[in-house]
C-alpha atoms as a PDB file:
ATOM      1  CA  UNK A   1     -81.081 -36.529-223.750  1.00  0.00           C
ATOM      2  CA  UNK A   2     -79.819 -35.191-220.235  1.00  0.00           C
ATOM      3  CA  UNK A   3     -77.130 -36.904-217.999  1.00  0.00           C
ATOM      4  CA  UNK A   4     -75.494 -34.495-214.664  1.00  0.00           C
ATOM      5  CA  UNK A   5     -71.736 -36.853-215.130  1.00  0.00           C
ATOM      6  CA  UNK A   6     -68.182 -36.437-214.988  1.00  0.00           C
ATOM      7  CA  UNK A   7     -69.169 -36.748-218.909  1.00  0.00           C
ATOM      8  CA  UNK A   8     -70.841 -33.715-218.632  1.00  0.00           C
ATOM      9  CA  UNK A   9     -68.050 -32.344-216.494  1.00  0.00           C
ATOM     10  CA  UNK A  10     -65.672 -32.385-219.141  1.00  0.00           C
ATOM     11  CA  UNK A  11     -67.186 -30.877-221.381  1.00  0.00           C
ATOM     12  CA  UNK A  12     -67.673 -27.961-219.155  1.00  0.00           C
ATOM     13  CA  UNK A  13     -63.737 -27.734-218.512  1.00  0.00           C
ATOM     14  CA  UNK A  14     -64.244 -28.914-215.293  1.00  0.00           C
ATOM     15  CA  UNK A  15     -63.137 -32.395-215.597  1.00  0.00           C
ATOM     16  CA  UNK A  16     -60.112 -32.149-213.054  1.00  0.00           C
ATOM     17  CA  UNK A  17     -62.026 -31.280-210.245  1.00  0.00           C
ATOM     18  CA  UNK A  18     -61.955 -33.972-207.557  1.00  0.00           C
ATOM     19  CA  UNK A  19     -64.571 -36.794-206.916  1.00  0.00           C
ATOM     20  CA  UNK A  20     -66.373 -34.335-204.094  1.00  0.00           C
ATOM     21  CA  UNK A  21     -66.265 -31.252-206.302  1.00  0.00           C
ATOM     22  CA  UNK A  22     -68.304 -32.880-209.103  1.00  0.00           C
ATOM     23  CA  UNK A  23     -70.482 -34.311-206.753  1.00  0.00           C
ATOM     24  CA  UNK A  24     -71.219 -31.235-205.300  1.00  0.00           C
ATOM     25  CA  UNK A  25     -71.639 -29.419-208.458  1.00  0.00           C
ATOM     26  CA  UNK A  26     -73.640 -31.975-210.047  1.00  0.00           C
ATOM     27  CA  UNK A  27     -76.107 -31.810-207.390  1.00  0.00           C
ATOM     28  CA  UNK A  28     -76.036 -28.152-207.356  1.00  0.00           C
ATOM     29  CA  UNK A  29     -76.903 -28.284-210.994  1.00  0.00           C
ATOM     30  CA  UNK A  30     -79.235 -30.576-210.398  1.00  0.00           C
ATOM     31  CA  UNK A  31     -80.888 -28.464-208.086  1.00  0.00           C
ATOM     32  CA  UNK A  32     -80.937 -24.896-209.976  1.00  0.00           C
ATOM     33  CA  UNK A  33     -82.633 -27.029-212.714  1.00  0.00           C
ATOM     34  CA  UNK A  34     -85.281 -28.457-210.771  1.00  0.00           C
ATOM     35  CA  UNK A  35     -86.053 -25.099-209.580  1.00  0.00           C
ATOM     36  CA  UNK A  36     -86.120 -23.104-212.956  1.00  0.00           C
ATOM     37  CA  UNK A  37     -88.040 -26.054-214.180  1.00  0.00           C
ATOM     38  CA  UNK A  38     -90.256 -25.583-211.079  1.00  0.00           C
ATOM     39  CA  UNK A  39     -90.096 -21.793-211.830  1.00  0.00           C
ATOM     40  CA  UNK A  40     -91.233 -21.774-215.767  1.00  0.00           C
ATOM     41  CA  UNK A  41     -93.697 -24.422-215.555  1.00  0.00           C
ATOM     42  CA  UNK A  42     -95.681 -22.722-212.091  1.00  0.00           C
ATOM     43  CA  UNK A  43     -95.917 -19.303-214.138  1.00  0.00           C
ATOM     44  CA  UNK A  44     -97.359 -21.286-216.845  1.00  0.00           C
ATOM     45  CA  UNK A  45     -99.742 -23.483-214.821  1.00  0.00           C
ATOM     46  CA  UNK A  46    -103.484 -22.714-214.133  1.00  0.00           C
ATOM     47  CA  UNK A  47    -104.327 -22.427-210.095  1.00  0.00           C
ATOM     48  CA  UNK A  48    -106.184 -25.992-210.687  1.00  0.00           C
ATOM     49  CA  UNK A  49    -103.196 -27.669-212.355  1.00  0.00           C
ATOM     50  CA  UNK A  50    -101.053 -26.566-209.811  1.00  0.00           C
ATOM     51  CA  UNK A  51    -103.269 -28.317-207.610  1.00  0.00           C
ATOM     52  CA  UNK A  52    -103.173 -31.076-209.108  1.00  0.00           C
ATOM     53  CA  UNK A  53     -99.600 -31.365-210.058  1.00  0.00           C
ATOM     54  CA  UNK A  54     -98.596 -30.303-206.043  1.00  0.00           C
ATOM     55  CA  UNK A  55    -100.669 -33.921-204.867  1.00  0.00           C
ATOM     56  CA  UNK A  56     -97.766 -35.943-207.421  1.00  0.00           C
ATOM     57  CA  UNK A  57     -94.761 -33.675-205.438  1.00  0.00           C
ATOM     58  CA  UNK A  58     -96.600 -34.021-201.946  1.00  0.00           C
ATOM     59  CA  UNK A  59     -96.442 -37.957-202.216  1.00  0.00           C
ATOM     60  CA  UNK A  60     -92.953 -37.769-204.698  1.00  0.00           C
ATOM     61  CA  UNK A  61     -94.817 -39.656-207.073  1.00  0.00           C
ATOM     62  CA  UNK A  62     -92.246 -38.546-209.856  1.00  0.00           C
ATOM     63  CA  UNK A  63     -93.500 -41.222-212.745  1.00  0.00           C
ATOM     64  CA  UNK A  64     -97.216 -39.625-212.095  1.00  0.00           C
ATOM     65  CA  UNK A  65     -95.600 -36.535-212.243  1.00  0.00           C
ATOM     66  CA  UNK A  66     -93.835 -36.838-215.022  1.00  0.00           C
ATOM     67  CA  UNK A  67     -97.101 -38.518-216.848  1.00  0.00           C
ATOM     68  CA  UNK A  68     -99.245 -35.378-215.940  1.00  0.00           C
ATOM     69  CA  UNK A  69     -96.643 -32.905-217.097  1.00  0.00           C
ATOM     70  CA  UNK A  70     -96.001 -34.762-220.453  1.00  0.00           C
ATOM     71  CA  UNK A  71    -100.207 -34.753-221.017  1.00  0.00           C
ATOM     72  CA  UNK A  72    -100.115 -31.079-219.771  1.00  0.00           C
ATOM     73  CA  UNK A  73     -97.134 -29.721-221.820  1.00  0.00           C
ATOM     74  CA  UNK A  74     -96.550 -31.391-224.030  1.00  0.00           C
ATOM     75  CA  UNK A  75     -93.330 -29.272-224.956  1.00  0.00           C
ATOM     76  CA  UNK A  76     -92.101 -30.297-221.257  1.00  0.00           C
ATOM     77  CA  UNK A  77     -89.437 -32.233-222.253  1.00  0.00           C
ATOM     78  CA  UNK A  78     -87.602 -28.847-225.046  1.00  0.00           C
ATOM     79  CA  UNK A  79     -89.072 -27.227-221.766  1.00  0.00           C
ATOM     80  CA  UNK A  80     -86.468 -29.162-220.411  1.00  0.00           C
ATOM     81  CA  UNK A  81     -83.375 -29.503-222.101  1.00  0.00           C
ATOM     82  CA  UNK A  82     -83.549 -25.527-223.368  1.00  0.00           C
ATOM     83  CA  UNK A  83     -82.926 -24.926-219.226  1.00  0.00           C
ATOM     84  CA  UNK A  84     -80.392 -27.359-219.085  1.00  0.00           C
ATOM     85  CA  UNK A  85     -78.783 -26.445-222.239  1.00  0.00           C
ATOM     86  CA  UNK A  86     -78.779 -22.787-220.756  1.00  0.00           C
ATOM     87  CA  UNK A  87     -77.782 -24.463-217.760  1.00  0.00           C
ATOM     88  CA  UNK A  88     -74.864 -25.560-219.218  1.00  0.00           C
ATOM     89  CA  UNK A  89     -74.113 -22.480-220.795  1.00  0.00           C
ATOM     90  CA  UNK A  90     -73.703 -20.382-217.734  1.00  0.00           C
ATOM     91  CA  UNK A  91     -71.105 -23.404-215.961  1.00  0.00           C
ATOM     92  CA  UNK A  92     -69.027 -23.379-218.738  1.00  0.00           C
ATOM     93  CA  UNK A  93     -68.720 -19.302-218.896  1.00  0.00           C
ATOM     94  CA  UNK A  94     -68.152 -20.090-214.755  1.00  0.00           C
ATOM     95  CA  UNK A  95     -65.436 -23.199-215.063  1.00  0.00           C
ATOM     96  CA  UNK A  96     -62.198 -20.640-214.086  1.00  0.00           C
ATOM     97  CA  UNK A  97     -64.112 -18.995-211.080  1.00  0.00           C
ATOM     98  CA  UNK A  98     -65.263 -22.336-210.082  1.00  0.00           C
ATOM     99  CA  UNK A  99     -62.361 -23.751-210.119  1.00  0.00           C
ATOM    100  CA  UNK A 100     -60.111 -20.300-208.439  1.00  0.00           C
ATOM    101  CA  UNK A 101     -62.948 -20.680-206.340  1.00  0.00           C
ATOM    102  CA  UNK A 102     -62.515 -23.992-204.712  1.00  0.00           C
ATOM    103  CA  UNK A 103     -58.329 -23.635-205.330  1.00  0.00           C
ATOM    104  CA  UNK A 104     -58.649 -20.770-202.539  1.00  0.00           C
ATOM    105  CA  UNK A 105     -60.785 -22.750-199.929  1.00  0.00           C
ATOM    106  CA  UNK A 106     -64.418 -20.988-201.016  1.00  0.00           C
ATOM    107  CA  UNK A 107     -66.931 -23.520-201.367  1.00  0.00           C
ATOM    108  CA  UNK A 108     -69.079 -22.408-204.552  1.00  0.00           C
ATOM    109  CA  UNK A 109     -71.924 -24.632-204.438  1.00  0.00           C
ATOM    110  CA  UNK A 110     -73.122 -22.946-201.249  1.00  0.00           C
ATOM    111  CA  UNK A 111     -73.140 -25.498-198.961  1.00  0.00           C
ATOM    112  CA  UNK A 112     -70.521 -24.121-196.336  1.00  0.00           C
ATOM    113  CA  UNK A 113     -72.780 -20.993-196.438  1.00  0.00           C
ATOM    114  CA  UNK A 114     -76.381 -23.269-195.864  1.00  0.00           C
ATOM    115  CA  UNK A 115     -74.504 -24.924-193.133  1.00  0.00           C
ATOM    116  CA  UNK A 116     -73.356 -21.813-190.867  1.00  0.00           C
ATOM    117  CA  UNK A 117     -77.314 -20.950-192.045  1.00  0.00           C
ATOM    118  CA  UNK A 118     -78.345 -23.924-190.212  1.00  0.00           C
ATOM    119  CA  UNK A 119     -75.622 -23.194-187.404  1.00  0.00           C
ATOM    120  CA  UNK A 120     -77.193 -19.343-186.563  1.00  0.00           C
ATOM    121  CA  UNK A 121     -80.497 -20.571-186.841  1.00  0.00           C
ATOM    122  CA  UNK A 122     -79.889 -23.325-183.953  1.00  0.00           C
ATOM    123  CA  UNK A 123     -78.782 -20.635-181.830  1.00  0.00           C
END
């Protein structure tokens, strides 16, 4: 079972992060997992399957999207768990660098860079 929570961060060596940094990291992990799953699954879809699935995504109908995935990709949960395990291993291996980055005042989760890009685009 996949749970993105404080207990996970403890197991990855990141349980001592501030509440804000924990929240930022968990959000970053969720976004990364969703992106990787999306890429992996869409690469396996036919154009017709992609168009069907896109309807659920466009309507933000998560329940139907998950049902569709389970029907069309019976190994969806296995793929998800595999991607989650890979991501957790990467985060664990990077935990010292993540902590060092935060302690030096950098934002390792990209939000500062995104804010700067948005500011530049508005000018």
